[in-house]
Structures are given as C-alpha cells and as structure tokens.
PDB file of N, CA and C in Angstrom:
ATOM      1  N   UNK A   1      -8.007 -23.221  25.064  1.00  0.00           N
ATOM      2  CA  UNK A   1      -8.722 -23.191  23.790  1.00  0.00           C
ATOM      3  C   UNK A   1      -9.166 -21.764  23.443  1.00  0.00           C
ATOM      4  N   UNK A   2      -9.663 -21.026  24.411  1.00  0.00           N
ATOM      5  CA  UNK A   2     -10.127 -19.672  24.113  1.00  0.00           C
ATOM      6  C   UNK A   2      -8.974 -18.759  23.706  1.00  0.00           C
ATOM      7  N   UNK A   3      -7.735 -19.052  24.182  1.00  0.00           N
ATOM      8  CA  UNK A   3      -6.571 -18.258  23.778  1.00  0.00           C
ATOM      9  C   UNK A   3      -6.397 -18.318  22.273  1.00  0.00           C
ATOM     10  N   UNK A   4      -6.492 -19.514  21.704  1.00  0.00           N
ATOM     11  CA  UNK A   4      -6.301 -19.657  20.268  1.00  0.00           C
ATOM     12  C   UNK A   4      -7.448 -19.034  19.489  1.00  0.00           C
ATOM     13  N   UNK A   5      -8.654 -19.121  19.988  1.00  0.00           N
ATOM     14  CA  UNK A   5      -9.785 -18.499  19.310  1.00  0.00           C
ATOM     15  C   UNK A   5      -9.616 -16.986  19.296  1.00  0.00           C
ATOM     16  N   UNK A   6      -9.194 -16.414  20.403  1.00  0.00           N
ATOM     17  CA  UNK A   6      -8.989 -14.964  20.479  1.00  0.00           C
ATOM     18  C   UNK A   6      -7.831 -14.548  19.576  1.00  0.00           C
ATOM     19  N   UNK A   7      -6.751 -15.307  19.593  1.00  0.00           N
ATOM     20  CA  UNK A   7      -5.587 -14.982  18.760  1.00  0.00           C
ATOM     21  C   UNK A   7      -5.952 -15.066  17.283  1.00  0.00           C
ATOM     22  N   UNK A   8      -6.733 -16.067  16.916  1.00  0.00           N
ATOM     23  CA  UNK A   8      -7.159 -16.205  15.519  1.00  0.00           C
ATOM     24  C   UNK A   8      -8.049 -15.037  15.111  1.00  0.00           C
ATOM     25  N   UNK A   9      -8.961 -14.638  15.980  1.00  0.00           N
ATOM     26  CA  UNK A   9      -9.835 -13.498  15.679  1.00  0.00           C
ATOM     27  C   UNK A   9      -9.019 -12.226  15.488  1.00  0.00           C
ATOM     28  N   UNK A  10      -8.020 -12.023  16.345  1.00  0.00           N
ATOM     29  CA  UNK A  10      -7.166 -10.845  16.209  1.00  0.00           C
ATOM     30  C   UNK A  10      -6.434 -10.874  14.882  1.00  0.00           C
ATOM     31  N   UNK A  11      -5.891 -12.029  14.524  1.00  0.00           N
ATOM     32  CA  UNK A  11      -5.164 -12.147  13.257  1.00  0.00           C
ATOM     33  C   UNK A  11      -6.076 -11.853  12.072  1.00  0.00           C
ATOM     34  N   UNK A  12      -7.236 -12.459  12.047  1.00  0.00           N
ATOM     35  CA  UNK A  12      -8.129 -12.326  10.900  1.00  0.00           C
ATOM     36  C   UNK A  12      -8.863 -10.986  10.860  1.00  0.00           C
ATOM     37  N   UNK A  13      -9.201 -10.434  12.008  1.00  0.00           N
ATOM     38  CA  UNK A  13     -10.022  -9.224  12.039  1.00  0.00           C
ATOM     39  C   UNK A  13      -9.242  -7.926  12.191  1.00  0.00           C
ATOM     40  N   UNK A  14      -8.013  -8.003  12.676  1.00  0.00           N
ATOM     41  CA  UNK A  14      -7.237  -6.780  12.904  1.00  0.00           C
ATOM     42  C   UNK A  14      -5.931  -6.783  12.116  1.00  0.00           C
ATOM     43  N   UNK A  15      -5.097  -7.787  12.315  1.00  0.00           N
ATOM     44  CA  UNK A  15      -3.764  -7.815  11.709  1.00  0.00           C
ATOM     45  C   UNK A  15      -3.823  -7.905  10.190  1.00  0.00           C
ATOM     46  N   UNK A  16      -4.602  -8.821   9.663  1.00  0.00           N
ATOM     47  CA  UNK A  16      -4.668  -9.006   8.205  1.00  0.00           C
ATOM     48  C   UNK A  16      -5.251  -7.771   7.502  1.00  0.00           C
ATOM     49  N   UNK A  17      -6.386  -7.235   7.948  1.00  0.00           N
ATOM     50  CA  UNK A  17      -6.895  -6.025   7.289  1.00  0.00           C
ATOM     51  C   UNK A  17      -5.913  -4.854   7.354  1.00  0.00           C
ATOM     52  N   UNK A  18      -5.214  -4.702   8.477  1.00  0.00           N
ATOM     53  CA  UNK A  18      -4.241  -3.616   8.594  1.00  0.00           C
ATOM     54  C   UNK A  18      -3.073  -3.845   7.639  1.00  0.00           C
ATOM     55  N   UNK A  19      -2.618  -5.071   7.516  1.00  0.00           N
ATOM     56  CA  UNK A  19      -1.530  -5.382   6.587  1.00  0.00           C
ATOM     57  C   UNK A  19      -1.949  -5.072   5.152  1.00  0.00           C
ATOM     58  N   UNK A  20      -3.197  -5.384   4.811  1.00  0.00           N
ATOM     59  CA  UNK A  20      -3.698  -5.072   3.466  1.00  0.00           C
ATOM     60  C   UNK A  20      -3.740  -3.570   3.227  1.00  0.00           C
ATOM     61  N   UNK A  21      -4.222  -2.812   4.211  1.00  0.00           N
ATOM     62  CA  UNK A  21      -4.272  -1.351   4.075  1.00  0.00           C
ATOM     63  C   UNK A  21      -2.872  -0.767   3.922  1.00  0.00           C
ATOM     64  N   UNK A  22      -1.926  -1.267   4.721  1.00  0.00           N
ATOM     65  CA  UNK A  22      -0.549  -0.769   4.649  1.00  0.00           C
ATOM     66  C   UNK A  22       0.076  -1.065   3.292  1.00  0.00           C
ATOM     67  N   UNK A  23      -0.110  -2.289   2.802  1.00  0.00           N
ATOM     68  CA  UNK A  23       0.453  -2.648   1.495  1.00  0.00           C
ATOM     69  C   UNK A  23      -0.135  -1.749   0.421  1.00  0.00           C
ATOM     70  N   UNK A  24      -1.439  -1.587   0.448  1.00  0.00           N
ATOM     71  CA  UNK A  24      -2.114  -0.766  -0.552  1.00  0.00           C
ATOM     72  C   UNK A  24      -1.648   0.681  -0.479  1.00  0.00           C
ATOM     73  N   UNK A  25      -1.483   1.216   0.717  1.00  0.00           N
ATOM     74  CA  UNK A  25      -1.044   2.600   0.883  1.00  0.00           C
ATOM     75  C   UNK A  25       0.361   2.812   0.323  1.00  0.00           C
ATOM     76  N   UNK A  26       1.228   1.835   0.513  1.00  0.00           N
ATOM     77  CA  UNK A  26       2.602   1.969   0.049  1.00  0.00           C
ATOM     78  C   UNK A  26       2.782   1.653  -1.438  1.00  0.00           C
ATOM     79  N   UNK A  27       1.913   0.801  -1.977  1.00  0.00           N
ATOM     80  CA  UNK A  27       2.088   0.338  -3.352  1.00  0.00           C
ATOM     81  C   UNK A  27       1.012   0.810  -4.322  1.00  0.00           C
ATOM     82  N   UNK A  28      -0.060   1.392  -3.789  1.00  0.00           N
ATOM     83  CA  UNK A  28      -1.129   1.878  -4.650  1.00  0.00           C
ATOM     84  C   UNK A  28      -1.967   0.792  -5.286  1.00  0.00           C
ATOM     85  N   UNK A  29      -1.899  -0.405  -4.720  1.00  0.00           N
ATOM     86  CA  UNK A  29      -2.671  -1.545  -5.239  1.00  0.00           C
ATOM     87  C   UNK A  29      -2.712  -2.637  -4.173  1.00  0.00           C
ATOM     88  N   UNK A  30      -3.563  -3.614  -4.401  1.00  0.00           N
ATOM     89  CA  UNK A  30      -3.637  -4.756  -3.492  1.00  0.00           C
ATOM     90  C   UNK A  30      -2.567  -5.777  -3.856  1.00  0.00           C
ATOM     91  N   UNK A  31      -2.112  -6.570  -2.880  1.00  0.00           N
ATOM     92  CA  UNK A  31      -1.077  -7.564  -3.152  1.00  0.00           C
ATOM     93  C   UNK A  31      -1.624  -8.823  -3.818  1.00  0.00           C
ATOM     94  N   UNK A  32      -0.729  -9.517  -4.497  1.00  0.00           N
ATOM     95  CA  UNK A  32      -1.045 -10.871  -4.958  1.00  0.00           C
ATOM     96  C   UNK A  32      -0.927 -11.779  -3.739  1.00  0.00           C
ATOM     97  N   UNK A  33      -1.287 -13.044  -3.887  1.00  0.00           N
ATOM     98  CA  UNK A  33      -1.157 -13.973  -2.760  1.00  0.00           C
ATOM     99  C   UNK A  33       0.305 -14.069  -2.318  1.00  0.00           C
ATOM    100  N   UNK A  34       1.208 -14.216  -3.255  1.00  0.00           N
ATOM    101  CA  UNK A  34       2.623 -14.338  -2.917  1.00  0.00           C
ATOM    102  C   UNK A  34       3.126 -13.079  -2.209  1.00  0.00           C
ATOM    103  N   UNK A  35       2.790 -11.923  -2.740  1.00  0.00           N
ATOM    104  CA  UNK A  35       3.216 -10.662  -2.128  1.00  0.00           C
ATOM    105  C   UNK A  35       2.650 -10.514  -0.721  1.00  0.00           C
ATOM    106  N   UNK A  36       1.402 -10.941  -0.537  1.00  0.00           N
ATOM    107  CA  UNK A  36       0.773 -10.808   0.768  1.00  0.00           C
ATOM    108  C   UNK A  36       1.519 -11.596   1.828  1.00  0.00           C
ATOM    109  N   UNK A  37       1.859 -12.852   1.532  1.00  0.00           N
ATOM    110  CA  UNK A  37       2.561 -13.670   2.519  1.00  0.00           C
ATOM    111  C   UNK A  37       3.987 -13.182   2.734  1.00  0.00           C
ATOM    112  N   UNK A  38       4.628 -12.671   1.700  1.00  0.00           N
ATOM    113  CA  UNK A  38       5.949 -12.070   1.865  1.00  0.00           C
ATOM    114  C   UNK A  38       5.865 -10.830   2.745  1.00  0.00           C
ATOM    115  N   UNK A  39       4.806 -10.050   2.548  1.00  0.00           N
ATOM    116  CA  UNK A  39       4.574  -8.839   3.336  1.00  0.00           C
ATOM    117  C   UNK A  39       4.418  -9.196   4.815  1.00  0.00           C
ATOM    118  N   UNK A  40       3.615 -10.197   5.121  1.00  0.00           N
ATOM    119  CA  UNK A  40       3.430 -10.621   6.505  1.00  0.00           C
ATOM    120  C   UNK A  40       4.753 -11.081   7.111  1.00  0.00           C
ATOM    121  N   UNK A  41       5.513 -11.851   6.350  1.00  0.00           N
ATOM    122  CA  UNK A  41       6.797 -12.365   6.835  1.00  0.00           C
ATOM    123  C   UNK A  41       7.776 -11.216   7.087  1.00  0.00           C
ATOM    124  N   UNK A  42       7.839 -10.279   6.161  1.00  0.00           N
ATOM    125  CA  UNK A  42       8.765  -9.149   6.280  1.00  0.00           C
ATOM    126  C   UNK A  42       8.497  -8.337   7.542  1.00  0.00           C
ATOM    127  N   UNK A  43       7.239  -8.212   7.912  1.00  0.00           N
ATOM    128  CA  UNK A  43       6.870  -7.433   9.084  1.00  0.00           C
ATOM    129  C   UNK A  43       6.612  -8.291  10.320  1.00  0.00           C
ATOM    130  N   UNK A  44       7.117  -9.523  10.286  1.00  0.00           N
ATOM    131  CA  UNK A  44       7.058 -10.432  11.442  1.00  0.00           C
ATOM    132  C   UNK A  44       5.657 -10.653  11.975  1.00  0.00           C
ATOM    133  N   UNK A  45       4.693 -10.746  11.085  1.00  0.00           N
ATOM    134  CA  UNK A  45       3.327 -11.063  11.486  1.00  0.00           C
ATOM    135  C   UNK A  45       3.210 -12.583  11.499  1.00  0.00           C
ATOM    136  N   UNK A  46       2.877 -13.126  12.644  1.00  0.00           N
ATOM    137  CA  UNK A  46       2.718 -14.575  12.726  1.00  0.00           C
ATOM    138  C   UNK A  46       1.242 -14.911  12.872  1.00  0.00           C
ATOM    139  N   UNK A  47       0.823 -15.838  12.071  1.00  0.00           N
ATOM    140  CA  UNK A  47      -0.562 -16.311  12.118  1.00  0.00           C
ATOM    141  C   UNK A  47      -0.628 -17.529  13.019  1.00  0.00           C
ATOM    142  N   UNK A  48      -1.781 -17.793  13.602  1.00  0.00           N
ATOM    143  CA  UNK A  48      -1.905 -18.979  14.454  1.00  0.00           C
ATOM    144  C   UNK A  48      -1.551 -20.253  13.688  1.00  0.00           C
ATOM    145  N   UNK A  49      -0.933 -21.183  14.375  1.00  0.00           N
ATOM    146  CA  UNK A  49      -0.581 -22.470  13.777  1.00  0.00           C
ATOM    147  C   UNK A  49      -1.856 -23.244  13.470  1.00  0.00           C
ATOM    148  N   UNK A  50      -1.881 -23.818  12.284  1.00  0.00           N
ATOM    149  CA  UNK A  50      -3.056 -24.582  11.851  1.00  0.00           C
ATOM    150  C   UNK A  50      -2.850 -26.071  12.109  1.00  0.00           C
ATOM    151  N   UNK A  51      -3.947 -26.821  12.201  1.00  0.00           N
ATOM    152  CA  UNK A  51      -3.830 -28.268  12.331  1.00  0.00           C
ATOM    153  C   UNK A  51      -3.147 -28.861  11.093  1.00  0.00           C
ATOM    154  N   UNK A  52      -2.571 -30.034  11.261  1.00  0.00           N
ATOM    155  CA  UNK A  52      -1.882 -30.737  10.174  1.00  0.00           C
ATOM    156  C   UNK A  52      -2.778 -30.845   8.945  1.00  0.00           C
ATOM    157  N   UNK A  53      -2.219 -30.523   7.801  1.00  0.00           N
ATOM    158  CA  UNK A  53      -2.940 -30.641   6.543  1.00  0.00           C
ATOM    159  C   UNK A  53      -3.690 -29.388   6.116  1.00  0.00           C
ATOM    160  N   UNK A  54      -3.857 -28.448   7.017  1.00  0.00           N
ATOM    161  CA  UNK A  54      -4.521 -27.183   6.701  1.00  0.00           C
ATOM    162  C   UNK A  54      -3.457 -26.173   6.279  1.00  0.00           C
ATOM    163  N   UNK A  55      -3.859 -25.181   5.494  1.00  0.00           N
ATOM    164  CA  UNK A  55      -2.907 -24.135   5.134  1.00  0.00           C
ATOM    165  C   UNK A  55      -3.651 -22.838   4.872  1.00  0.00           C
ATOM    166  N   UNK A  56      -2.923 -21.754   5.044  1.00  0.00           N
ATOM    167  CA  UNK A  56      -3.478 -20.440   4.759  1.00  0.00           C
ATOM    168  C   UNK A  56      -3.381 -20.160   3.269  1.00  0.00           C
ATOM    169  N   UNK A  57      -4.420 -19.548   2.740  1.00  0.00           N
ATOM    170  CA  UNK A  57      -4.396 -19.049   1.372  1.00  0.00           C
ATOM    171  C   UNK A  57      -4.940 -17.622   1.409  1.00  0.00           C
ATOM    172  N   UNK A  58      -4.474 -16.815   0.471  1.00  0.00           N
ATOM    173  CA  UNK A  58      -4.962 -15.449   0.390  1.00  0.00           C
ATOM    174  C   UNK A  58      -5.710 -15.304  -0.922  1.00  0.00           C
ATOM    175  N   UNK A  59      -6.990 -14.988  -0.829  1.00  0.00           N
ATOM    176  CA  UNK A  59      -7.814 -14.762  -2.014  1.00  0.00           C
ATOM    177  C   UNK A  59      -7.682 -13.290  -2.370  1.00  0.00           C
ATOM    178  N   UNK A  60      -6.827 -13.012  -3.354  1.00  0.00           N
ATOM    179  CA  UNK A  60      -6.553 -11.621  -3.730  1.00  0.00           C
ATOM    180  C   UNK A  60      -7.793 -10.926  -4.278  1.00  0.00           C
ATOM    181  N   UNK A  61      -8.660 -11.670  -4.950  1.00  0.00           N
ATOM    182  CA  UNK A  61      -9.865 -11.066  -5.518  1.00  0.00           C
ATOM    183  C   UNK A  61     -10.817 -10.609  -4.408  1.00  0.00           C
ATOM    184  N   UNK A  62     -10.974 -11.429  -3.392  1.00  0.00           N
ATOM    185  CA  UNK A  62     -11.855 -11.080  -2.271  1.00  0.00           C
ATOM    186  C   UNK A  62     -11.130 -10.278  -1.193  1.00  0.00           C
ATOM    187  N   UNK A  63      -9.788 -10.181  -1.314  1.00  0.00           N
ATOM    188  CA  UNK A  63      -8.954  -9.510  -0.309  1.00  0.00           C
ATOM    189  C   UNK A  63      -9.178 -10.147   1.062  1.00  0.00           C
ATOM    190  N   UNK A  64      -9.028 -11.482   1.084  1.00  0.00           N
ATOM    191  CA  UNK A  64      -9.411 -12.234   2.272  1.00  0.00           C
ATOM    192  C   UNK A  64      -8.434 -13.378   2.536  1.00  0.00           C
ATOM    193  N   UNK A  65      -7.996 -13.494   3.782  1.00  0.00           N
ATOM    194  CA  UNK A  65      -7.183 -14.626   4.210  1.00  0.00           C
ATOM    195  C   UNK A  65      -8.137 -15.761   4.552  1.00  0.00           C
ATOM    196  N   UNK A  66      -7.834 -16.939   4.043  1.00  0.00           N
ATOM    197  CA  UNK A  66      -8.701 -18.098   4.269  1.00  0.00           C
ATOM    198  C   UNK A  66      -7.872 -19.286   4.691  1.00  0.00           C
ATOM    199  N   UNK A  67      -8.546 -20.296   5.223  1.00  0.00           N
ATOM    200  CA  UNK A  67      -7.890 -21.546   5.597  1.00  0.00           C
ATOM    201  C   UNK A  67      -8.398 -22.633   4.670  1.00  0.00           C
ATOM    202  N   UNK A  68      -7.461 -23.297   4.014  1.00  0.00           N
ATOM    203  CA  UNK A  68      -7.800 -24.411   3.132  1.00  0.00           C
ATOM    204  C   UNK A  68      -7.705 -25.686   3.945  1.00  0.00           C
ATOM    205  N   UNK A  69      -8.770 -26.473   3.924  1.00  0.00           N
ATOM    206  CA  UNK A  69      -8.839 -27.720   4.686  1.00  0.00           C
ATOM    207  C   UNK A  69      -8.438 -28.875   3.781  1.00  0.00           C
ATOM    208  N   UNK A  70      -7.812 -29.900   4.348  1.00  0.00           N
ATOM    209  CA  UNK A  70      -7.406 -31.049   3.514  1.00  0.00           C
ATOM    210  C   UNK A  70      -8.637 -31.816   3.031  1.00  0.00           C
ATOM    211  N   UNK A  71      -8.526 -32.455   1.865  1.00  0.00           N
ATOM    212  CA  UNK A  71      -9.665 -33.260   1.376  1.00  0.00           C
ATOM    213  C   UNK A  71      -9.901 -34.439   2.318  1.00  0.00           C
ATOM    214  N   UNK A  72     -11.145 -34.812   2.425  1.00  0.00           N
ATOM    215  CA  UNK A  72     -11.505 -35.932   3.314  1.00  0.00           C
ATOM    216  C   UNK A  72     -11.444 -37.239   2.587  1.00  0.00           C
TER     217      UNK A  72
END
C-alpha cells in the first residue's frame, strides 16, 4: 500500500509540475487538458492506476491534475 502512496505523491508533486514547466518553456503557455495528457503520453509519463470508475482530469485554470470520483 505504501508503494502506491509514494508513487502517487511522486506523480502529483514532481512529475506533473515538471511536465507543466517543460510544456510552458517549449510553448510559451500552459497546456489545455487535452494537450496535457498528450504531453504526458508523448514523454511516456505513466500515472498510477486508479480504482474502477475514477479518472484523471487536468484543471487547466488551476494548473492541477485531479482525480474525478464516480457519483455515488
């Protein structure tokens, strides 16, 4: 269990912010949600697998990767 918590922290606190900085440096602007996920895929960044029904979303306005939970 702690492996996944550590991996998630690394993804959210290190990998995602660095990917945002790199995109901005190369393009002179922040990415849209679609561009952000394409950027991660292009550079082989893998995010931790989420439980069934959950999905990653990128809030371009907040410049933040988030997890959307399924409705209860």
